[in-house]
Amino acid sequence: MQTWEHRQLDVPENEMEQVLQSFGQNGRELVSVIDETIDPSRQTDRRMYRLFFKRPSSEVGPEENSED
């Protein structure tokens, strides 16, 4: 059975591209985004997003570890 590592990160809009590239190069997949900006009319460098990532876990799951 596949297991996953999960990570969530709050990112300002002006850093979004750099974060997505970095996490993608490290094998993480973006699975969801939430706009956490309190006032959407604020400048773009002040807009905040919560990003949710996953990647396959390097740990062996319990079913793969059994010696049946």
PDB file of N, CA and C in Angstrom:
ATOM      1  N   MET A   1       0.842  -1.181   0.000  1.00  0.00           N
ATOM      2  CA  MET A   1       0.000   0.000   0.000  1.00  0.00           C
ATOM      3  C   MET A   1       0.889   1.247   0.000  1.00  0.00           C
ATOM      4  N   GLN A   2       0.565   2.185  -0.871  1.00  0.00           N
ATOM      5  CA  GLN A   2       1.322   3.431  -0.961  1.00  0.00           C
ATOM      6  C   GLN A   2       1.015   4.316   0.238  1.00  0.00           C
ATOM      7  N   THR A   3       2.049   4.860   0.859  1.00  0.00           N
ATOM      8  CA  THR A   3       1.870   5.853   1.914  1.00  0.00           C
ATOM      9  C   THR A   3       2.447   7.174   1.414  1.00  0.00           C
ATOM     10  N   TRP A   4       1.966   8.266   2.011  1.00  0.00           N
ATOM     11  CA  TRP A   4       2.325   9.596   1.531  1.00  0.00           C
ATOM     12  C   TRP A   4       2.858  10.471   2.652  1.00  0.00           C
ATOM     13  N   GLU A   5       3.782  11.342   2.311  1.00  0.00           N
ATOM     14  CA  GLU A   5       4.201  12.432   3.186  1.00  0.00           C
ATOM     15  C   GLU A   5       3.402  13.651   2.758  1.00  0.00           C
ATOM     16  N   HIS A   6       2.930  14.437   3.712  1.00  0.00           N
ATOM     17  CA  HIS A   6       2.152  15.631   3.394  1.00  0.00           C
ATOM     18  C   HIS A   6       2.839  16.854   3.978  1.00  0.00           C
ATOM     19  N   ARG A   7       2.654  17.986   3.339  1.00  0.00           N
ATOM     20  CA  ARG A   7       3.241  19.231   3.808  1.00  0.00           C
ATOM     21  C   ARG A   7       2.312  20.360   3.428  1.00  0.00           C
ATOM     22  N   GLN A   8       2.117  21.318   4.345  1.00  0.00           N
ATOM     23  CA  GLN A   8       1.357  22.510   4.015  1.00  0.00           C
ATOM     24  C   GLN A   8       2.226  23.728   4.300  1.00  0.00           C
ATOM     25  N   LEU A   9       2.022  24.768   3.513  1.00  0.00           N
ATOM     26  CA  LEU A   9       2.901  25.919   3.574  1.00  0.00           C
ATOM     27  C   LEU A   9       2.112  27.172   3.216  1.00  0.00           C
ATOM     28  N   ASP A  10       2.276  28.249   4.002  1.00  0.00           N
ATOM     29  CA  ASP A  10       1.680  29.540   3.673  1.00  0.00           C
ATOM     30  C   ASP A  10       2.685  30.331   2.845  1.00  0.00           C
ATOM     31  N   VAL A  11       2.238  30.819   1.685  1.00  0.00           N
ATOM     32  CA  VAL A  11       3.136  31.461   0.731  1.00  0.00           C
ATOM     33  C   VAL A  11       2.521  32.758   0.214  1.00  0.00           C
ATOM     34  N   PRO A  12       3.292  33.863   0.209  1.00  0.00           N
ATOM     35  CA  PRO A  12       2.799  35.072  -0.442  1.00  0.00           C
ATOM     36  C   PRO A  12       2.804  34.881  -1.956  1.00  0.00           C
ATOM     37  N   GLU A  13       1.880  35.550  -2.632  1.00  0.00           N
ATOM     38  CA  GLU A  13       1.720  35.356  -4.075  1.00  0.00           C
ATOM     39  C   GLU A  13       3.015  35.614  -4.852  1.00  0.00           C
ATOM     40  N   ASN A  14       3.813  36.593  -4.430  1.00  0.00           N
ATOM     41  CA  ASN A  14       5.021  36.916  -5.175  1.00  0.00           C
ATOM     42  C   ASN A  14       6.113  35.856  -5.043  1.00  0.00           C
ATOM     43  N   GLU A  15       5.949  34.866  -4.167  1.00  0.00           N
ATOM     44  CA  GLU A  15       6.919  33.774  -4.013  1.00  0.00           C
ATOM     45  C   GLU A  15       6.377  32.438  -4.529  1.00  0.00           C
ATOM     46  N   MET A  16       5.165  32.465  -5.068  1.00  0.00           N
ATOM     47  CA  MET A  16       4.485  31.231  -5.468  1.00  0.00           C
ATOM     48  C   MET A  16       5.282  30.422  -6.490  1.00  0.00           C
ATOM     49  N   GLU A  17       5.748  31.051  -7.560  1.00  0.00           N
ATOM     50  CA  GLU A  17       6.463  30.339  -8.622  1.00  0.00           C
ATOM     51  C   GLU A  17       7.717  29.659  -8.086  1.00  0.00           C
ATOM     52  N   GLN A  18       8.478  30.361  -7.277  1.00  0.00           N
ATOM     53  CA  GLN A  18       9.718  29.801  -6.720  1.00  0.00           C
ATOM     54  C   GLN A  18       9.428  28.595  -5.821  1.00  0.00           C
ATOM     55  N   VAL A  19       8.408  28.696  -4.993  1.00  0.00           N
ATOM     56  CA  VAL A  19       8.047  27.597  -4.091  1.00  0.00           C
ATOM     57  C   VAL A  19       7.560  26.387  -4.892  1.00  0.00           C
ATOM     58  N   LEU A  20       6.715  26.626  -5.899  1.00  0.00           N
ATOM     59  CA  LEU A  20       6.202  25.512  -6.705  1.00  0.00           C
ATOM     60  C   LEU A  20       7.341  24.792  -7.427  1.00  0.00           C
ATOM     61  N   GLN A  21       8.271  25.532  -7.988  1.00  0.00           N
ATOM     62  CA  GLN A  21       9.410  24.921  -8.680  1.00  0.00           C
ATOM     63  C   GLN A  21      10.266  24.107  -7.707  1.00  0.00           C
ATOM     64  N   SER A  22      10.555  24.685  -6.561  1.00  0.00           N
ATOM     65  CA  SER A  22      11.404  24.016  -5.571  1.00  0.00           C
ATOM     66  C   SER A  22      10.770  22.719  -5.057  1.00  0.00           C
ATOM     67  N   PHE A  23       9.493  22.790  -4.689  1.00  0.00           N
ATOM     68  CA  PHE A  23       8.822  21.604  -4.160  1.00  0.00           C
ATOM     69  C   PHE A  23       8.649  20.543  -5.251  1.00  0.00           C
ATOM     70  N   GLY A  24       8.372  20.974  -6.482  1.00  0.00           N
ATOM     71  CA  GLY A  24       8.235  20.030  -7.588  1.00  0.00           C
ATOM     72  C   GLY A  24       9.536  19.297  -7.863  1.00  0.00           C
ATOM     73  N   GLN A  25      10.655  20.011  -7.798  1.00  0.00           N
ATOM     74  CA  GLN A  25      11.959  19.385  -8.024  1.00  0.00           C
ATOM     75  C   GLN A  25      12.300  18.385  -6.914  1.00  0.00           C
ATOM     76  N   ASN A  26      11.682  18.552  -5.755  1.00  0.00           N
ATOM     77  CA  ASN A  26      11.911  17.634  -4.639  1.00  0.00           C
ATOM     78  C   ASN A  26      10.868  16.514  -4.593  1.00  0.00           C
ATOM     79  N   GLY A  27      10.117  16.345  -5.697  1.00  0.00           N
ATOM     80  CA  GLY A  27       9.198  15.221  -5.807  1.00  0.00           C
ATOM     81  C   GLY A  27       7.835  15.427  -5.170  1.00  0.00           C
ATOM     82  N   ARG A  28       7.529  16.656  -4.786  1.00  0.00           N
ATOM     83  CA  ARG A  28       6.225  16.920  -4.177  1.00  0.00           C
ATOM     84  C   ARG A  28       5.219  17.352  -5.231  1.00  0.00           C
ATOM     85  N   GLU A  29       3.974  16.933  -5.037  1.00  0.00           N
ATOM     86  CA  GLU A  29       2.876  17.267  -5.941  1.00  0.00           C
ATOM     87  C   GLU A  29       1.918  18.207  -5.219  1.00  0.00           C
ATOM     88  N   LEU A  30       1.562  19.316  -5.859  1.00  0.00           N
ATOM     89  CA  LEU A  30       0.585  20.241  -5.303  1.00  0.00           C
ATOM     90  C   LEU A  30      -0.793  19.603  -5.427  1.00  0.00           C
ATOM     91  N   VAL A  31      -1.515  19.499  -4.311  1.00  0.00           N
ATOM     92  CA  VAL A  31      -2.829  18.854  -4.355  1.00  0.00           C
ATOM     93  C   VAL A  31      -3.981  19.808  -4.062  1.00  0.00           C
ATOM     94  N   SER A  32      -3.695  20.948  -3.416  1.00  0.00           N
ATOM     95  CA  SER A  32      -4.770  21.888  -3.111  1.00  0.00           C
ATOM     96  C   SER A  32      -4.187  23.250  -2.758  1.00  0.00           C
ATOM     97  N   VAL A  33      -4.998  24.297  -2.997  1.00  0.00           N
ATOM     98  CA  VAL A  33      -4.609  25.672  -2.663  1.00  0.00           C
ATOM     99  C   VAL A  33      -5.808  26.370  -2.029  1.00  0.00           C
ATOM    100  N   ILE A  34      -5.561  27.099  -0.950  1.00  0.00           N
ATOM    101  CA  ILE A  34      -6.598  27.902  -0.313  1.00  0.00           C
ATOM    102  C   ILE A  34      -6.125  29.350  -0.295  1.00  0.00           C
ATOM    103  N   ASP A  35      -6.970  30.263  -0.767  1.00  0.00           N
ATOM    104  CA  ASP A  35      -6.651  31.689  -0.706  1.00  0.00           C
ATOM    105  C   ASP A  35      -6.877  32.146   0.727  1.00  0.00           C
ATOM    106  N   GLU A  36      -5.813  32.549   1.392  1.00  0.00           N
ATOM    107  CA  GLU A  36      -5.904  32.962   2.789  1.00  0.00           C
ATOM    108  C   GLU A  36      -5.804  34.469   2.946  1.00  0.00           C
ATOM    109  N   THR A  37      -5.968  35.197   1.849  1.00  0.00           N
ATOM    110  CA  THR A  37      -5.895  36.649   1.901  1.00  0.00           C
ATOM    111  C   THR A  37      -7.117  37.182   2.617  1.00  0.00           C
ATOM    112  N   ILE A  38      -6.894  37.982   3.638  1.00  0.00           N
ATOM    113  CA  ILE A  38      -8.010  38.554   4.396  1.00  0.00           C
ATOM    114  C   ILE A  38      -8.714  39.616   3.565  1.00  0.00           C
ATOM    115  N   ASP A  39      -7.940  40.469   2.903  1.00  0.00           N
ATOM    116  CA  ASP A  39      -8.493  41.534   2.072  1.00  0.00           C
ATOM    117  C   ASP A  39      -7.986  41.364   0.649  1.00  0.00           C
ATOM    118  N   PRO A  40      -8.793  40.783  -0.257  1.00  0.00           N
ATOM    119  CA  PRO A  40      -8.338  40.510  -1.622  1.00  0.00           C
ATOM    120  C   PRO A  40      -7.917  41.743  -2.409  1.00  0.00           C
ATOM    121  N   SER A  41      -8.281  42.940  -1.954  1.00  0.00           N
ATOM    122  CA  SER A  41      -7.901  44.151  -2.679  1.00  0.00           C
ATOM    123  C   SER A  41      -6.471  44.590  -2.358  1.00  0.00           C
ATOM    124  N   ARG A  42      -5.814  43.896  -1.439  1.00  0.00           N
ATOM    125  CA  ARG A  42      -4.433  44.261  -1.089  1.00  0.00           C
ATOM    126  C   ARG A  42      -3.502  44.015  -2.264  1.00  0.00           C
ATOM    127  N   GLN A  43      -2.317  44.562  -2.185  1.00  0.00           N
ATOM    128  CA  GLN A  43      -1.327  44.388  -3.243  1.00  0.00           C
ATOM    129  C   GLN A  43      -0.997  42.912  -3.405  1.00  0.00           C
ATOM    130  N   THR A  44      -0.573  42.535  -4.638  1.00  0.00           N
ATOM    131  CA  THR A  44      -0.325  41.120  -4.905  1.00  0.00           C
ATOM    132  C   THR A  44       0.779  40.550  -4.029  1.00  0.00           C
ATOM    133  N   ASP A  45       1.747  41.350  -3.611  1.00  0.00           N
ATOM    134  CA  ASP A  45       2.805  40.796  -2.760  1.00  0.00           C
ATOM    135  C   ASP A  45       2.319  40.567  -1.336  1.00  0.00           C
ATOM    136  N   ARG A  46       1.088  40.936  -1.060  1.00  0.00           N
ATOM    137  CA  ARG A  46       0.509  40.718   0.271  1.00  0.00           C
ATOM    138  C   ARG A  46      -0.551  39.626   0.272  1.00  0.00           C
ATOM    139  N   ARG A  47      -0.916  39.119  -0.909  1.00  0.00           N
ATOM    140  CA  ARG A  47      -1.890  38.024  -0.955  1.00  0.00           C
ATOM    141  C   ARG A  47      -1.206  36.753  -0.455  1.00  0.00           C
ATOM    142  N   MET A  48      -1.903  35.980   0.359  1.00  0.00           N
ATOM    143  CA  MET A  48      -1.336  34.760   0.947  1.00  0.00           C
ATOM    144  C   MET A  48      -2.165  33.548   0.535  1.00  0.00           C
ATOM    145  N   TYR A  49      -1.453  32.466   0.284  1.00  0.00           N
ATOM    146  CA  TYR A  49      -2.095  31.209  -0.084  1.00  0.00           C
ATOM    147  C   TYR A  49      -1.533  30.090   0.775  1.00  0.00           C
ATOM    148  N   ARG A  50      -2.388  29.155   1.133  1.00  0.00           N
ATOM    149  CA  ARG A  50      -1.935  27.940   1.812  1.00  0.00           C
ATOM    150  C   ARG A  50      -1.881  26.843   0.761  1.00  0.00           C
ATOM    151  N   LEU A  51      -0.686  26.268   0.592  1.00  0.00           N
ATOM    152  CA  LEU A  51      -0.470  25.217  -0.395  1.00  0.00           C
ATOM    153  C   LEU A  51      -0.355  23.875   0.316  1.00  0.00           C
ATOM    154  N   PHE A  52      -0.954  22.848  -0.258  1.00  0.00           N
ATOM    155  CA  PHE A  52      -0.900  21.493   0.290  1.00  0.00           C
ATOM    156  C   PHE A  52      -0.189  20.602  -0.730  1.00  0.00           C
ATOM    157  N   PHE A  53       0.861  19.932  -0.279  1.00  0.00           N
ATOM    158  CA  PHE A  53       1.670  19.073  -1.135  1.00  0.00           C
ATOM    159  C   PHE A  53       1.672  17.643  -0.606  1.00  0.00           C
ATOM    160  N   LYS A  54       1.961  16.697  -1.505  1.00  0.00           N
ATOM    161  CA  LYS A  54       2.175  15.310  -1.097  1.00  0.00           C
ATOM    162  C   LYS A  54       3.299  14.731  -1.947  1.00  0.00           C
ATOM    163  N   ARG A  55       3.923  13.676  -1.437  1.00  0.00           N
ATOM    164  CA  ARG A  55       4.879  12.887  -2.208  1.00  0.00           C
ATOM    165  C   ARG A  55       4.909  11.492  -1.598  1.00  0.00           C
ATOM    166  N   PRO A  56       5.292  10.504  -2.381  1.00  0.00           N
ATOM    167  CA  PRO A  56       5.357   9.147  -1.841  1.00  0.00           C
ATOM    168  C   PRO A  56       6.320   9.092  -0.654  1.00  0.00           C
ATOM    169  N   SER A  57       5.914   8.391   0.376  1.00  0.00           N
ATOM    170  CA  SER A  57       6.748   8.237   1.562  1.00  0.00           C
ATOM    171  C   SER A  57       7.887   7.281   1.284  1.00  0.00           C
ATOM    172  N   SER A  58       9.028   7.562   1.867  1.00  0.00           N
ATOM    173  CA  SER A  58      10.176   6.669   1.710  1.00  0.00           C
ATOM    174  C   SER A  58      10.139   5.525   2.727  1.00  0.00           C
ATOM    175  N   GLU A  59       9.211   5.615   3.681  1.00  0.00           N
ATOM    176  CA  GLU A  59       9.083   4.548   4.688  1.00  0.00           C
ATOM    177  C   GLU A  59       8.283   3.387   4.116  1.00  0.00           C
ATOM    178  N   VAL A  60       8.596   2.197   4.550  1.00  0.00           N
ATOM    179  CA  VAL A  60       7.877   1.001   4.122  1.00  0.00           C
ATOM    180  C   VAL A  60       6.601   0.888   4.935  1.00  0.00           C
ATOM    181  N   GLY A  61       5.479   0.678   4.234  1.00  0.00           N
ATOM    182  CA  GLY A  61       4.198   0.515   4.910  1.00  0.00           C
ATOM    183  C   GLY A  61       4.127  -0.807   5.643  1.00  0.00           C
ATOM    184  N   PRO A  62       3.190  -0.970   6.582  1.00  0.00           N
ATOM    185  CA  PRO A  62       3.097  -2.208   7.376  1.00  0.00           C
ATOM    186  C   PRO A  62       2.860  -3.456   6.541  1.00  0.00           C
ATOM    187  N   GLU A  63       2.112  -3.346   5.443  1.00  0.00           N
ATOM    188  CA  GLU A  63       1.844  -4.524   4.627  1.00  0.00           C
ATOM    189  C   GLU A  63       3.066  -4.937   3.815  1.00  0.00           C
ATOM    190  N   GLU A  64       3.928  -3.972   3.461  1.00  0.00           N
ATOM    191  CA  GLU A  64       5.128  -4.282   2.689  1.00  0.00           C
ATOM    192  C   GLU A  64       6.228  -4.836   3.582  1.00  0.00           C
ATOM    193  N   ASN A  65       6.093  -4.631   4.882  1.00  0.00           N
ATOM    194  CA  ASN A  65       7.123  -5.009   5.838  1.00  0.00           C
ATOM    195  C   ASN A  65       6.899  -6.424   6.388  1.00  0.00           C
ATOM    196  N   SER A  66       5.748  -7.009   6.126  1.00  0.00           N
ATOM    197  CA  SER A  66       5.447  -8.332   6.698  1.00  0.00           C
ATOM    198  C   SER A  66       6.177  -9.428   5.904  1.00  0.00           C
ATOM    199  N   GLU A  67       6.454 -10.528   6.571  1.00  0.00           N
ATOM    200  CA  GLU A  67       7.189 -11.633   5.947  1.00  0.00           C
ATOM    201  C   GLU A  67       6.293 -12.859   5.801  1.00  0.00           C
ATOM    202  N   ASP A  68       5.079 -12.681   5.277  1.00  0.00           N
ATOM    203  CA  ASP A  68       4.133 -13.785   5.106  1.00  0.00           C
ATOM    204  C   ASP A  68       4.511 -14.688   3.976  1.00  0.00           C
TER     205      ASP A  68
END
